[in-house]
Amino acid sequence: MRASRPLWTPQIKALDERYKAVTVDDDGQALGQFHRLPGPDLWWWRRHPRILTGDLGRSLRSAGAIGTDPDTA
C-alpha cells in the first residue's frame, strides 16, 4: 500500500485545502458544545462551516460560531 501514498498525497492535500477554504478553525469551540471531540490529530473536527445556514447554522451560532450569512456569501 505504500506505493499508492505518493499517488494520493497531492489529491488529499488539495481536498484538505478546499475544506480549509470553506470552514473556520475555532479549535473545536462550537462543535465541542455538541460532540466530544477526538484527539488533536483529527484537525477537521476543530473547524465549522464558514457559511452558517439552516438548523446547523443556528445551532453553531448559539454555541458561539462566527460565520458568513448565506445571503451575503
N, C-alpha and C. Protein backbone atom coordinates (compact mmCIF):
# COMPACT_ATOMS: atom_id res chain seq x y z
N MET A 1 0.80 -1.20 0.00
CA MET A 1 0.00 0.00 0.00
C MET A 1 0.84 1.26 0.00
N ARG A 2 2.06 1.16 0.43
CA ARG A 2 2.90 2.34 0.46
C ARG A 2 3.10 2.94 -0.93
N ALA A 3 3.05 2.12 -1.96
CA ALA A 3 3.25 2.63 -3.32
C ALA A 3 2.15 3.60 -3.72
N SER A 4 0.97 3.46 -3.17
CA SER A 4 -0.13 4.35 -3.54
C SER A 4 -0.06 5.70 -2.81
N ARG A 5 0.72 5.77 -1.74
CA ARG A 5 0.80 7.01 -0.96
C ARG A 5 1.24 8.20 -1.82
N PRO A 6 2.30 8.11 -2.62
CA PRO A 6 2.68 9.27 -3.44
C PRO A 6 1.60 9.65 -4.45
N LEU A 7 0.83 8.69 -4.90
CA LEU A 7 -0.23 8.97 -5.86
C LEU A 7 -1.36 9.77 -5.21
N TRP A 8 -1.75 9.42 -4.00
CA TRP A 8 -2.89 10.04 -3.34
C TRP A 8 -2.55 11.29 -2.55
N THR A 9 -1.32 11.43 -2.10
CA THR A 9 -0.95 12.56 -1.24
C THR A 9 -1.30 13.92 -1.85
N PRO A 10 -0.97 14.21 -3.11
CA PRO A 10 -1.31 15.52 -3.67
C PRO A 10 -2.82 15.74 -3.74
N GLN A 11 -3.57 14.69 -4.04
CA GLN A 11 -5.03 14.83 -4.13
C GLN A 11 -5.64 15.07 -2.76
N ILE A 12 -5.14 14.38 -1.76
CA ILE A 12 -5.65 14.57 -0.39
C ILE A 12 -5.30 15.97 0.09
N LYS A 13 -4.09 16.43 -0.19
CA LYS A 13 -3.70 17.79 0.21
C LYS A 13 -4.59 18.83 -0.46
N ALA A 14 -4.92 18.63 -1.72
CA ALA A 14 -5.80 19.56 -2.43
C ALA A 14 -7.20 19.59 -1.80
N LEU A 15 -7.71 18.42 -1.43
CA LEU A 15 -9.01 18.36 -0.78
C LEU A 15 -8.96 19.00 0.61
N ASP A 16 -7.89 18.79 1.34
CA ASP A 16 -7.73 19.43 2.64
C ASP A 16 -7.76 20.95 2.49
N GLU A 17 -7.10 21.47 1.48
CA GLU A 17 -7.07 22.92 1.26
C GLU A 17 -8.46 23.45 0.89
N ARG A 18 -9.20 22.70 0.10
CA ARG A 18 -10.58 23.10 -0.22
C ARG A 18 -11.44 23.13 1.03
N TYR A 19 -11.27 22.12 1.89
CA TYR A 19 -12.03 22.05 3.14
C TYR A 19 -11.69 23.24 4.03
N LYS A 20 -10.41 23.55 4.13
CA LYS A 20 -9.98 24.69 4.94
C LYS A 20 -10.55 26.00 4.41
N ALA A 21 -10.69 26.11 3.10
CA ALA A 21 -11.19 27.34 2.49
C ALA A 21 -12.66 27.59 2.81
N VAL A 22 -13.43 26.55 3.06
CA VAL A 22 -14.87 26.71 3.29
C VAL A 22 -15.25 26.50 4.75
N THR A 23 -14.25 26.39 5.63
CA THR A 23 -14.52 26.23 7.05
C THR A 23 -13.72 27.24 7.86
N VAL A 24 -14.06 27.35 9.13
CA VAL A 24 -13.40 28.26 10.06
C VAL A 24 -12.79 27.43 11.18
N ASP A 25 -11.54 27.69 11.50
CA ASP A 25 -10.89 27.00 12.61
C ASP A 25 -11.20 27.76 13.90
N ASP A 26 -11.94 27.11 14.80
CA ASP A 26 -12.21 27.72 16.10
C ASP A 26 -11.74 26.80 17.22
N ASP A 27 -10.81 25.92 16.90
CA ASP A 27 -10.25 24.95 17.84
C ASP A 27 -11.32 24.07 18.47
N GLY A 28 -12.42 23.88 17.74
CA GLY A 28 -13.48 22.98 18.19
C GLY A 28 -14.42 23.57 19.21
N GLN A 29 -14.34 24.88 19.44
CA GLN A 29 -15.18 25.50 20.45
C GLN A 29 -16.67 25.33 20.16
N ALA A 30 -17.10 25.56 18.93
CA ALA A 30 -18.53 25.44 18.61
C ALA A 30 -18.96 23.98 18.56
N LEU A 31 -18.27 23.16 17.80
CA LEU A 31 -18.67 21.75 17.70
C LEU A 31 -18.53 21.01 19.02
N GLY A 32 -17.58 21.45 19.83
CA GLY A 32 -17.37 20.83 21.14
C GLY A 32 -18.57 21.01 22.07
N GLN A 33 -19.45 21.95 21.77
CA GLN A 33 -20.68 22.13 22.55
C GLN A 33 -21.66 20.98 22.32
N PHE A 34 -21.51 20.28 21.19
CA PHE A 34 -22.46 19.25 20.80
C PHE A 34 -21.87 17.85 20.74
N HIS A 35 -20.56 17.75 20.55
CA HIS A 35 -19.89 16.46 20.38
C HIS A 35 -18.60 16.43 21.19
N ARG A 36 -18.28 15.27 21.69
CA ARG A 36 -16.96 15.09 22.30
C ARG A 36 -15.95 15.00 21.17
N LEU A 37 -14.97 15.87 21.20
CA LEU A 37 -14.03 15.93 20.09
C LEU A 37 -12.91 14.91 20.27
N PRO A 38 -12.49 14.30 19.16
CA PRO A 38 -11.35 13.37 19.21
C PRO A 38 -10.04 14.14 19.39
N GLY A 39 -8.96 13.40 19.44
CA GLY A 39 -7.64 13.99 19.65
C GLY A 39 -7.26 15.04 18.62
N PRO A 40 -6.23 15.81 18.90
CA PRO A 40 -5.82 16.92 18.03
C PRO A 40 -5.35 16.49 16.64
N ASP A 41 -5.02 15.23 16.46
CA ASP A 41 -4.60 14.77 15.13
C ASP A 41 -5.73 14.86 14.11
N LEU A 42 -6.96 14.83 14.58
CA LEU A 42 -8.12 14.93 13.69
C LEU A 42 -8.55 16.39 13.61
N TRP A 43 -7.72 17.21 12.99
CA TRP A 43 -7.87 18.66 12.95
C TRP A 43 -9.19 19.12 12.37
N TRP A 44 -9.77 18.35 11.47
CA TRP A 44 -11.01 18.76 10.79
C TRP A 44 -12.19 18.83 11.76
N TRP A 45 -12.10 18.19 12.91
CA TRP A 45 -13.16 18.28 13.92
C TRP A 45 -13.14 19.63 14.62
N ARG A 46 -12.11 20.40 14.42
CA ARG A 46 -11.98 21.68 15.09
C ARG A 46 -12.33 22.85 14.17
N ARG A 47 -13.08 22.54 13.14
CA ARG A 47 -13.49 23.54 12.16
C ARG A 47 -15.01 23.46 11.97
N HIS A 48 -15.61 24.56 11.62
CA HIS A 48 -17.04 24.56 11.30
C HIS A 48 -17.24 25.29 9.97
N PRO A 49 -18.40 25.08 9.33
CA PRO A 49 -18.64 25.73 8.04
C PRO A 49 -18.52 27.24 8.13
N ARG A 50 -17.96 27.84 7.09
CA ARG A 50 -17.82 29.29 7.02
C ARG A 50 -19.20 29.93 6.83
N ILE A 51 -20.04 29.31 6.02
CA ILE A 51 -21.40 29.81 5.79
C ILE A 51 -22.33 29.03 6.70
N LEU A 52 -22.97 29.74 7.62
CA LEU A 52 -23.85 29.11 8.60
C LEU A 52 -25.30 29.30 8.17
N THR A 53 -25.96 28.19 7.89
CA THR A 53 -27.33 28.25 7.41
C THR A 53 -28.15 27.10 7.99
N GLY A 54 -29.44 27.25 7.99
CA GLY A 54 -30.33 26.18 8.43
C GLY A 54 -30.16 25.84 9.90
N ASP A 55 -30.64 24.65 10.27
CA ASP A 55 -30.57 24.21 11.66
C ASP A 55 -29.13 24.13 12.17
N LEU A 56 -28.24 23.61 11.34
CA LEU A 56 -26.84 23.52 11.75
C LEU A 56 -26.27 24.91 12.02
N GLY A 57 -26.54 25.85 11.13
CA GLY A 57 -26.05 27.21 11.31
C GLY A 57 -26.58 27.84 12.59
N ARG A 58 -27.88 27.66 12.85
CA ARG A 58 -28.47 28.22 14.08
C ARG A 58 -27.84 27.59 15.31
N SER A 59 -27.65 26.28 15.28
CA SER A 59 -27.05 25.60 16.43
C SER A 59 -25.62 26.07 16.67
N LEU A 60 -24.84 26.17 15.60
CA LEU A 60 -23.45 26.60 15.75
C LEU A 60 -23.37 28.05 16.22
N ARG A 61 -24.24 28.91 15.71
CA ARG A 61 -24.26 30.31 16.16
C ARG A 61 -24.59 30.38 17.65
N SER A 62 -25.54 29.52 18.10
CA SER A 62 -25.91 29.53 19.52
C SER A 62 -24.73 29.08 20.39
N ALA A 63 -23.79 28.34 19.80
CA ALA A 63 -22.61 27.88 20.52
C ALA A 63 -21.42 28.83 20.36
N GLY A 64 -21.68 29.97 19.70
CA GLY A 64 -20.64 30.99 19.56
C GLY A 64 -19.90 31.01 18.25
N ALA A 65 -20.31 30.16 17.30
CA ALA A 65 -19.63 30.16 15.99
C ALA A 65 -19.89 31.47 15.26
N ILE A 66 -18.88 31.93 14.59
CA ILE A 66 -19.00 33.13 13.78
C ILE A 66 -18.81 32.70 12.33
N GLY A 67 -19.75 33.06 11.50
CA GLY A 67 -19.66 32.67 10.10
C GLY A 67 -20.30 33.73 9.23
N THR A 68 -20.42 33.41 7.98
CA THR A 68 -20.98 34.31 6.99
C THR A 68 -22.45 33.96 6.78
N ASP A 69 -23.26 34.96 6.66
CA ASP A 69 -24.67 34.77 6.33
C ASP A 69 -24.75 34.31 4.87
N PRO A 70 -25.56 33.29 4.58
CA PRO A 70 -25.61 32.79 3.20
C PRO A 70 -26.10 33.84 2.20
N ASP A 71 -26.85 34.82 2.64
CA ASP A 71 -27.33 35.87 1.73
C ASP A 71 -26.25 36.85 1.32
N THR A 72 -25.16 36.88 2.09
CA THR A 72 -24.07 37.82 1.77
C THR A 72 -22.82 37.11 1.29
N ALA A 73 -22.87 35.78 1.24
CA ALA A 73 -21.68 35.00 0.86
C ALA A 73 -21.40 35.09 -0.62
